[in-house]
Amino acid sequence: MITSTQNKSYKLWQKLKLKKHRDAHGLFLVYGPHLVEKAQEKEAIVDILTTRAEIQGTLISQELMDGLNQTETGFDVMAVCRKTNPPLTSTRVLMLDDVQDPDNVGALVRSAAAFGFRHVIFSLQTADLYNEKVIRASKGAIFDVHVERRLLDEAIQSFKQQGYAMVCTDTKGQTLTTLEGPLVLVLGNEGHGIQPAIMALADHIIHIPVSHVDSLNVAVAGGILMHQWRCV
């Protein structure tokens, strides 16, 4: 059993709470039996950490586990995972333009996996895919999609050359409609929406009719639109 906070491995695991160290080491943490099982299915696990002797993995003290947990309700099993992001081609692509709330990003990734938007593009300012809140909100769907972090204007030009229609969302857009063929759905920042320069590249600008409220949460709106144009 590892009991010391000065243990070399434990110090690394602690560092993985921060994006710069996740990027440097190509590793991240997942918490709880569901996500550990999902990571096992994808062969992404480097090590399983647990306070329970009957679970196969590295046994650590409760104090160390408490130090690694990032939620109010702690877990007794977690895993150190390698970043696995195998390429996937999809006729449905989700593009996030500076969506910064990790819960929203995780929920959108989950909907993307559910509705066949298997390729997801993050802008440079979108929340980190391997943020603990993103992973938790995705319910493990981060393992089911291919995610790229790119300059959006360059990505859009590339998709347009491949025949994808660019679909943006705006309260002044057209009513939700049926679209055929490959498409990229662009969703914008929680406070500012889609950047004007990105909006200018749209082939279609769509809005979801609502009553009693001005707009929908980006994760809710994204789920509705991905269901509308699903490919499953």
Protein backbone atom coordinates (compact mmCIF):
# COMPACT_ATOMS: atom_id res chain seq x y z
CA MET A 1 0.00 0.00 0.00
CA ILE A 2 1.19 3.49 -0.87
CA THR A 3 0.76 5.78 2.15
CA SER A 4 3.18 8.66 1.64
CA THR A 5 2.34 11.93 -0.08
CA GLN A 6 6.02 12.05 -1.04
CA ASN A 7 5.68 8.94 -3.20
CA LYS A 8 6.87 9.73 -6.75
CA SER A 9 3.82 8.19 -8.43
CA TYR A 10 1.42 9.96 -6.08
CA LYS A 11 3.04 13.30 -6.85
CA LEU A 12 2.45 12.66 -10.57
CA TRP A 13 -1.18 11.69 -10.01
CA GLN A 14 -1.73 14.92 -8.11
CA LYS A 15 -0.24 16.91 -10.98
CA LEU A 16 -2.73 15.37 -13.41
CA LYS A 17 -5.45 17.54 -11.90
CA LEU A 18 -3.94 20.38 -13.94
CA LYS A 19 -4.24 20.66 -17.73
CA LYS A 20 -0.57 21.55 -18.31
CA HIS A 21 0.54 18.32 -16.65
CA ARG A 22 -2.12 16.24 -18.43
CA ASP A 23 -0.80 17.66 -21.69
CA ALA A 24 2.85 17.11 -20.75
CA HIS A 25 2.38 13.48 -19.73
CA GLY A 26 -0.47 12.46 -22.04
CA LEU A 27 -2.35 11.15 -19.02
CA PHE A 28 -5.56 11.96 -17.15
CA LEU A 29 -7.67 10.71 -14.24
CA VAL A 30 -11.12 9.13 -14.18
CA TYR A 31 -13.13 8.47 -11.04
CA GLY A 32 -15.61 5.80 -10.02
CA PRO A 33 -16.39 2.25 -11.19
CA HIS A 34 -18.43 3.27 -14.27
CA LEU A 35 -15.68 5.39 -15.81
CA VAL A 36 -12.97 2.91 -14.84
CA GLU A 37 -14.94 0.17 -16.59
CA LYS A 38 -15.40 2.37 -19.66
CA ALA A 39 -11.68 3.11 -19.77
CA GLN A 40 -10.95 -0.61 -19.48
CA GLU A 41 -13.18 -1.32 -22.48
CA LYS A 42 -11.14 1.16 -24.52
CA GLU A 43 -7.82 -0.22 -23.22
CA ALA A 44 -6.88 3.25 -21.98
CA ILE A 45 -5.87 2.41 -18.41
CA VAL A 46 -2.28 2.77 -17.20
CA ASP A 47 -3.07 1.98 -13.56
CA ILE A 48 -6.09 1.48 -11.29
CA LEU A 49 -5.89 3.14 -7.87
CA THR A 50 -8.07 1.92 -5.02
CA THR A 51 -8.45 1.75 -1.26
CA ARG A 52 -10.04 -1.71 -1.53
CA ALA A 53 -7.70 -4.68 -1.34
CA GLU A 54 -10.06 -6.92 -3.34
CA ILE A 55 -9.79 -4.70 -6.43
CA GLN A 56 -6.87 -5.41 -8.75
CA GLY A 57 -4.62 -2.40 -9.02
CA THR A 58 -2.43 -0.18 -6.86
CA LEU A 59 -3.59 -0.02 -3.26
CA ILE A 60 -3.36 3.43 -1.66
CA SER A 61 -4.37 4.78 1.71
CA GLN A 62 -7.67 6.53 2.32
CA GLU A 63 -5.78 9.74 3.02
CA LEU A 64 -4.13 9.64 -0.41
CA MET A 65 -7.42 8.78 -2.11
CA ASP A 66 -9.08 11.72 -0.38
CA GLY A 67 -6.27 13.92 -1.66
CA LEU A 68 -6.84 12.77 -5.24
CA ASN A 69 -10.64 13.02 -5.25
CA GLN A 70 -12.01 16.19 -6.82
CA THR A 71 -15.66 15.89 -5.81
CA GLU A 72 -17.50 16.35 -2.53
CA THR A 73 -18.56 12.71 -2.66
CA GLY A 74 -15.38 10.70 -2.99
CA PHE A 75 -14.73 7.42 -4.81
CA ASP A 76 -12.80 4.36 -3.64
CA VAL A 77 -11.53 3.49 -7.12
CA MET A 78 -10.07 5.58 -9.92
CA ALA A 79 -7.77 5.13 -12.87
CA VAL A 80 -4.83 6.81 -14.51
CA CYS A 81 -5.52 6.75 -18.25
CA ARG A 82 -3.54 7.49 -21.37
CA LYS A 83 -5.07 9.88 -23.87
CA THR A 84 -6.49 7.72 -26.64
CA ASN A 85 -8.13 9.61 -29.45
CA PRO A 86 -8.40 7.32 -32.50
CA PRO A 87 -9.45 9.08 -35.72
CA LEU A 88 -13.08 8.69 -36.73
CA THR A 89 -14.86 9.88 -39.85
CA SER A 90 -18.43 11.04 -39.50
CA THR A 91 -21.01 12.75 -41.69
CA ARG A 92 -22.04 14.69 -38.58
CA VAL A 93 -19.50 16.93 -36.85
CA LEU A 94 -19.92 19.04 -33.73
CA MET A 95 -17.86 22.22 -33.44
CA LEU A 96 -17.58 24.16 -30.16
CA ASP A 97 -16.68 27.82 -30.43
CA ASP A 98 -15.24 28.76 -27.01
CA VAL A 99 -17.75 26.77 -24.94
CA GLN A 100 -16.10 27.15 -21.55
CA ASP A 101 -18.33 25.56 -18.92
CA PRO A 102 -17.00 22.00 -18.37
CA ASP A 103 -20.47 20.68 -17.53
CA ASN A 104 -21.80 22.01 -20.84
CA VAL A 105 -18.87 20.58 -22.78
CA GLY A 106 -19.28 17.18 -21.16
CA ALA A 107 -23.03 17.11 -21.80
CA LEU A 108 -22.46 18.08 -25.44
CA VAL A 109 -19.88 15.33 -25.93
CA ARG A 110 -22.36 12.86 -24.45
CA SER A 111 -25.09 13.99 -26.87
CA ALA A 112 -22.61 13.92 -29.75
CA ALA A 113 -21.82 10.28 -29.05
CA ALA A 114 -25.52 9.45 -28.67
CA PHE A 115 -26.62 11.03 -31.94
CA GLY A 116 -23.77 10.09 -34.26
CA PHE A 117 -21.73 13.31 -34.15
CA ARG A 118 -18.62 11.19 -33.67
CA HIS A 119 -16.14 13.90 -34.70
CA VAL A 120 -15.94 16.91 -32.36
CA ILE A 121 -13.88 20.05 -32.93
CA PHE A 122 -12.88 22.21 -29.94
CA SER A 123 -11.76 25.80 -30.43
CA LEU A 124 -8.56 26.78 -28.67
CA GLN A 125 -10.57 28.38 -25.82
CA THR A 126 -13.08 25.56 -25.29
CA ALA A 127 -12.78 23.72 -21.96
CA ASP A 128 -10.28 20.85 -21.76
CA LEU A 129 -11.70 17.47 -22.78
CA TYR A 130 -9.83 15.83 -19.90
CA ASN A 131 -11.07 18.19 -17.21
CA GLU A 132 -12.64 16.04 -14.47
CA LYS A 133 -15.99 17.85 -14.76
CA VAL A 134 -16.07 17.34 -18.53
CA ILE A 135 -15.35 13.63 -18.16
CA ARG A 136 -17.97 13.22 -15.44
CA ALA A 137 -20.65 15.14 -17.36
CA SER A 138 -19.92 13.09 -20.48
CA LYS A 139 -20.55 9.85 -18.55
CA GLY A 140 -17.53 8.39 -20.35
CA ALA A 141 -18.56 9.49 -23.85
CA ILE A 142 -15.11 11.08 -24.26
CA PHE A 143 -13.99 7.55 -25.17
CA ASP A 144 -16.58 7.28 -27.97
CA VAL A 145 -15.78 10.37 -30.06
CA HIS A 146 -12.76 11.77 -31.87
CA VAL A 147 -11.87 15.23 -30.56
CA GLU A 148 -9.55 17.76 -32.20
CA ARG A 149 -8.55 21.17 -30.87
CA ARG A 150 -8.11 23.47 -33.87
CA LEU A 151 -8.40 26.98 -35.21
CA LEU A 152 -12.03 26.99 -36.27
CA ASP A 153 -11.72 29.02 -39.47
CA GLU A 154 -9.11 26.58 -40.79
CA ALA A 155 -11.25 23.60 -39.79
CA ILE A 156 -14.32 25.10 -41.46
CA GLN A 157 -12.51 25.65 -44.74
CA SER A 158 -11.31 22.06 -44.68
CA PHE A 159 -14.81 20.69 -44.08
CA LYS A 160 -16.31 22.93 -46.75
CA GLN A 161 -13.83 21.54 -49.28
CA GLN A 162 -15.10 18.07 -48.36
CA GLY A 163 -18.71 19.06 -49.02
CA TYR A 164 -19.92 19.62 -45.46
CA ALA A 165 -22.59 22.28 -44.84
CA MET A 166 -21.83 24.66 -41.99
CA VAL A 167 -24.78 25.17 -39.63
CA CYS A 168 -24.64 27.93 -37.00
CA THR A 169 -27.16 28.84 -34.33
CA ASP A 170 -28.54 32.33 -33.70
CA THR A 171 -31.77 33.78 -32.31
CA LYS A 172 -32.25 35.63 -35.61
CA GLY A 173 -31.80 32.52 -37.74
CA GLN A 174 -34.30 30.40 -39.63
CA THR A 175 -36.64 28.01 -37.88
CA LEU A 176 -35.29 24.53 -37.22
CA THR A 177 -35.39 22.59 -40.47
CA THR A 178 -34.50 19.30 -42.13
CA LEU A 179 -31.02 19.14 -43.65
CA GLU A 180 -29.55 16.45 -45.89
CA GLY A 181 -25.93 15.49 -46.45
CA PRO A 182 -22.85 15.90 -44.26
CA LEU A 183 -22.90 18.85 -41.90
CA VAL A 184 -20.97 20.62 -39.17
CA LEU A 185 -23.02 22.03 -36.29
CA VAL A 186 -21.36 25.03 -34.65
CA LEU A 187 -22.33 26.02 -31.10
CA GLY A 188 -21.09 29.19 -29.43
CA ASN A 189 -19.88 30.54 -26.13
CA GLU A 190 -22.37 30.66 -23.26
CA GLY A 191 -22.28 34.46 -22.99
CA HIS A 192 -21.26 35.72 -26.43
CA GLY A 193 -22.48 33.08 -28.85
CA ILE A 194 -20.65 32.30 -32.07
CA GLN A 195 -17.89 34.65 -33.19
CA PRO A 196 -19.01 36.94 -36.07
CA ALA A 197 -16.12 35.76 -38.25
CA ILE A 198 -17.27 32.15 -37.82
CA MET A 199 -20.95 33.05 -38.31
CA ALA A 200 -20.02 34.68 -41.63
CA LEU A 201 -18.90 31.26 -42.93
CA ALA A 202 -22.25 29.58 -42.22
CA ASP A 203 -24.31 27.95 -44.96
CA HIS A 204 -27.35 27.86 -42.67
CA ILE A 205 -28.21 29.90 -39.59
CA ILE A 206 -30.79 28.16 -37.44
CA HIS A 207 -32.76 29.01 -34.32
CA ILE A 208 -34.96 26.92 -32.03
CA PRO A 209 -38.35 28.55 -31.38
CA VAL A 210 -38.96 29.06 -27.65
CA SER A 211 -41.50 30.81 -25.45
CA HIS A 212 -41.16 32.55 -22.07
CA VAL A 213 -37.33 32.55 -22.27
CA ASP A 214 -34.84 34.39 -24.45
CA SER A 215 -32.64 31.42 -25.22
CA LEU A 216 -31.67 27.89 -24.23
CA ASN A 217 -28.59 26.62 -22.46
CA VAL A 218 -26.01 25.64 -25.08
CA ALA A 219 -26.00 22.00 -23.98
CA VAL A 220 -29.79 21.79 -24.23
CA ALA A 221 -29.87 23.52 -27.61
CA GLY A 222 -27.06 21.31 -28.89
CA GLY A 223 -28.87 18.16 -27.78
CA ILE A 224 -32.05 19.22 -29.60
CA LEU A 225 -30.20 20.02 -32.81
CA MET A 226 -28.07 16.89 -32.79
CA HIS A 227 -31.19 14.80 -32.28
CA GLN A 228 -32.84 16.61 -35.19
CA TRP A 229 -29.93 15.79 -37.52
CA ARG A 230 -28.85 12.55 -35.87
CA CYS A 231 -26.95 9.81 -37.65
CA VAL A 232 -27.15 6.61 -35.57
